[in-house]
Amino acid sequence: MSNVSIDADIKAKWQQGQCSYSPGSPEELAIIGIDLLVKELGTEAAKAFTDQVFEKYGLPVKTT
C-alpha cells in the first residue's frame, strides 16, 4: 500500500452557507467528498452514486 499525502485547500459554497477544508490524506478527502455529495444530492442519491463507484471496482454493494 502506498503512502499518499494531500496538500489542498477546498472552498465549498451553497445557498445555506460555505466551508473550507484542508485534507491531508485520501481518507480525509473521501470524507469531505461524501459530505459534499450528501449536501448536494441528499443521503439516498449520494449513497446510490457511491454504490455505482464501488461496483465499478468490482466491490460488492450491500443493499438494505
N, C-alpha and C. Protein backbone atom coordinates (compact mmCIF):
# COMPACT_ATOMS: atom_id res chain seq x y z
N MET A 1 0.85 -1.18 0.00
CA MET A 1 0.00 0.00 0.00
C MET A 1 0.90 1.24 0.00
N SER A 2 0.56 2.22 -0.80
CA SER A 2 1.39 3.42 -0.87
C SER A 2 0.95 4.44 0.16
N ASN A 3 1.86 5.32 0.48
CA ASN A 3 1.60 6.38 1.45
C ASN A 3 1.37 7.67 0.67
N VAL A 4 0.14 8.14 0.63
CA VAL A 4 -0.22 9.33 -0.14
C VAL A 4 -0.55 10.46 0.82
N SER A 5 0.05 11.61 0.57
CA SER A 5 -0.34 12.79 1.34
C SER A 5 -0.93 13.81 0.37
N ILE A 6 -1.83 14.62 0.87
CA ILE A 6 -2.54 15.59 0.04
C ILE A 6 -2.31 16.98 0.61
N ASP A 7 -2.04 17.92 -0.28
CA ASP A 7 -1.89 19.32 0.11
C ASP A 7 -2.90 20.11 -0.72
N ALA A 8 -4.06 20.39 -0.14
CA ALA A 8 -5.13 21.04 -0.90
C ALA A 8 -5.92 21.97 0.01
N ASP A 9 -6.45 23.01 -0.59
CA ASP A 9 -7.37 23.91 0.09
C ASP A 9 -8.67 23.89 -0.72
N ILE A 10 -9.73 23.42 -0.10
CA ILE A 10 -11.02 23.29 -0.78
C ILE A 10 -11.99 24.29 -0.16
N LYS A 11 -12.61 25.08 -1.02
CA LYS A 11 -13.64 26.02 -0.57
C LYS A 11 -14.94 25.62 -1.25
N ALA A 12 -15.97 25.39 -0.47
CA ALA A 12 -17.27 25.00 -0.99
C ALA A 12 -18.31 26.01 -0.55
N LYS A 13 -19.20 26.35 -1.47
CA LYS A 13 -20.27 27.31 -1.18
C LYS A 13 -21.60 26.74 -1.65
N TRP A 14 -22.65 27.01 -0.91
CA TRP A 14 -24.01 26.66 -1.29
C TRP A 14 -24.92 27.70 -0.69
N GLN A 15 -26.21 27.65 -1.02
CA GLN A 15 -27.14 28.70 -0.59
C GLN A 15 -27.15 28.90 0.92
N GLN A 16 -27.06 27.81 1.68
CA GLN A 16 -27.18 27.91 3.13
C GLN A 16 -25.86 28.27 3.82
N GLY A 17 -24.76 28.29 3.09
CA GLY A 17 -23.51 28.62 3.75
C GLY A 17 -22.30 28.28 2.91
N GLN A 18 -21.19 28.21 3.58
CA GLN A 18 -19.93 27.89 2.93
C GLN A 18 -19.00 27.25 3.94
N CYS A 19 -17.96 26.59 3.45
CA CYS A 19 -16.98 26.00 4.34
C CYS A 19 -15.68 25.82 3.58
N SER A 20 -14.63 25.57 4.31
CA SER A 20 -13.34 25.30 3.68
C SER A 20 -12.72 24.09 4.37
N TYR A 21 -11.96 23.36 3.60
CA TYR A 21 -11.33 22.14 4.08
C TYR A 21 -9.87 22.13 3.65
N SER A 22 -9.04 21.46 4.41
CA SER A 22 -7.65 21.23 4.05
C SER A 22 -7.31 19.77 4.35
N PRO A 23 -7.72 18.87 3.46
CA PRO A 23 -7.45 17.46 3.71
C PRO A 23 -5.96 17.16 3.61
N GLY A 24 -5.52 16.22 4.42
CA GLY A 24 -4.12 15.83 4.39
C GLY A 24 -3.91 14.39 3.99
N SER A 25 -5.02 13.64 3.82
CA SER A 25 -4.91 12.23 3.46
C SER A 25 -6.08 11.86 2.54
N PRO A 26 -5.94 10.75 1.82
CA PRO A 26 -7.06 10.30 0.98
C PRO A 26 -8.33 10.04 1.79
N GLU A 27 -8.17 9.56 3.02
CA GLU A 27 -9.34 9.30 3.86
C GLU A 27 -10.08 10.60 4.17
N GLU A 28 -9.33 11.65 4.53
CA GLU A 28 -9.97 12.94 4.81
C GLU A 28 -10.64 13.50 3.56
N LEU A 29 -9.99 13.37 2.42
CA LEU A 29 -10.57 13.84 1.16
C LEU A 29 -11.86 13.09 0.84
N ALA A 30 -11.88 11.79 1.08
CA ALA A 30 -13.09 11.00 0.83
C ALA A 30 -14.23 11.45 1.73
N ILE A 31 -13.94 11.69 2.99
CA ILE A 31 -14.98 12.16 3.92
C ILE A 31 -15.55 13.50 3.46
N ILE A 32 -14.67 14.39 3.03
CA ILE A 32 -15.12 15.71 2.53
C ILE A 32 -16.00 15.51 1.30
N GLY A 33 -15.55 14.68 0.37
CA GLY A 33 -16.32 14.43 -0.85
C GLY A 33 -17.69 13.86 -0.55
N ILE A 34 -17.76 12.90 0.34
CA ILE A 34 -19.04 12.30 0.70
C ILE A 34 -19.94 13.33 1.38
N ASP A 35 -19.37 14.12 2.27
CA ASP A 35 -20.15 15.16 2.95
C ASP A 35 -20.75 16.13 1.93
N LEU A 36 -19.96 16.55 0.94
CA LEU A 36 -20.46 17.47 -0.07
C LEU A 36 -21.49 16.81 -0.98
N LEU A 37 -21.29 15.52 -1.30
CA LEU A 37 -22.29 14.80 -2.09
C LEU A 37 -23.63 14.75 -1.38
N VAL A 38 -23.61 14.47 -0.08
CA VAL A 38 -24.85 14.41 0.70
C VAL A 38 -25.52 15.78 0.72
N LYS A 39 -24.73 16.84 0.89
CA LYS A 39 -25.31 18.19 0.87
C LYS A 39 -25.95 18.51 -0.48
N GLU A 40 -25.31 18.07 -1.56
CA GLU A 40 -25.78 18.36 -2.91
C GLU A 40 -26.93 17.46 -3.35
N LEU A 41 -26.81 16.16 -3.11
CA LEU A 41 -27.76 15.20 -3.66
C LEU A 41 -28.75 14.64 -2.66
N GLY A 42 -28.47 14.75 -1.38
CA GLY A 42 -29.26 14.08 -0.36
C GLY A 42 -28.66 12.71 -0.08
N THR A 43 -29.06 12.13 1.04
CA THR A 43 -28.45 10.88 1.51
C THR A 43 -28.62 9.73 0.53
N GLU A 44 -29.83 9.48 0.07
CA GLU A 44 -30.10 8.32 -0.78
C GLU A 44 -29.40 8.44 -2.13
N ALA A 45 -29.45 9.61 -2.75
CA ALA A 45 -28.81 9.78 -4.05
C ALA A 45 -27.29 9.71 -3.92
N ALA A 46 -26.74 10.25 -2.85
CA ALA A 46 -25.30 10.16 -2.62
C ALA A 46 -24.87 8.71 -2.42
N LYS A 47 -25.68 7.94 -1.69
CA LYS A 47 -25.37 6.52 -1.49
C LYS A 47 -25.44 5.77 -2.82
N ALA A 48 -26.43 6.06 -3.63
CA ALA A 48 -26.55 5.41 -4.93
C ALA A 48 -25.33 5.73 -5.80
N PHE A 49 -24.88 6.96 -5.75
CA PHE A 49 -23.70 7.36 -6.51
C PHE A 49 -22.45 6.61 -6.05
N THR A 50 -22.23 6.56 -4.74
CA THR A 50 -21.04 5.85 -4.24
C THR A 50 -21.15 4.35 -4.49
N ASP A 51 -22.36 3.80 -4.44
CA ASP A 51 -22.55 2.38 -4.77
C ASP A 51 -22.10 2.10 -6.20
N GLN A 52 -22.43 3.01 -7.13
CA GLN A 52 -22.02 2.84 -8.52
C GLN A 52 -20.50 2.84 -8.64
N VAL A 53 -19.84 3.70 -7.89
CA VAL A 53 -18.38 3.76 -7.93
C VAL A 53 -17.79 2.46 -7.41
N PHE A 54 -18.29 1.95 -6.29
CA PHE A 54 -17.77 0.71 -5.73
C PHE A 54 -18.02 -0.46 -6.67
N GLU A 55 -19.16 -0.48 -7.33
CA GLU A 55 -19.46 -1.54 -8.29
C GLU A 55 -18.47 -1.52 -9.45
N LYS A 56 -18.04 -0.32 -9.84
CA LYS A 56 -17.06 -0.17 -10.92
C LYS A 56 -15.77 -0.93 -10.61
N TYR A 57 -15.42 -0.98 -9.36
CA TYR A 57 -14.19 -1.66 -8.93
C TYR A 57 -14.45 -3.10 -8.50
N GLY A 58 -15.64 -3.60 -8.79
CA GLY A 58 -15.95 -4.99 -8.50
C GLY A 58 -16.21 -5.26 -7.04
N LEU A 59 -16.46 -4.23 -6.27
CA LEU A 59 -16.73 -4.43 -4.84
C LEU A 59 -18.22 -4.66 -4.64
N PRO A 60 -18.56 -5.63 -3.82
CA PRO A 60 -19.98 -5.90 -3.58
C PRO A 60 -20.63 -4.73 -2.83
N VAL A 61 -21.84 -4.42 -3.20
CA VAL A 61 -22.59 -3.35 -2.56
C VAL A 61 -23.74 -3.97 -1.80
N LYS A 62 -23.79 -3.72 -0.51
CA LYS A 62 -24.85 -4.25 0.33
C LYS A 62 -26.05 -3.32 0.25
N THR A 63 -27.19 -3.87 -0.13
CA THR A 63 -28.41 -3.07 -0.18
C THR A 63 -29.27 -3.43 1.02
N THR A 64 -29.83 -2.42 1.65
CA THR A 64 -30.67 -2.65 2.83
C THR A 64 -32.01 -2.01 2.64
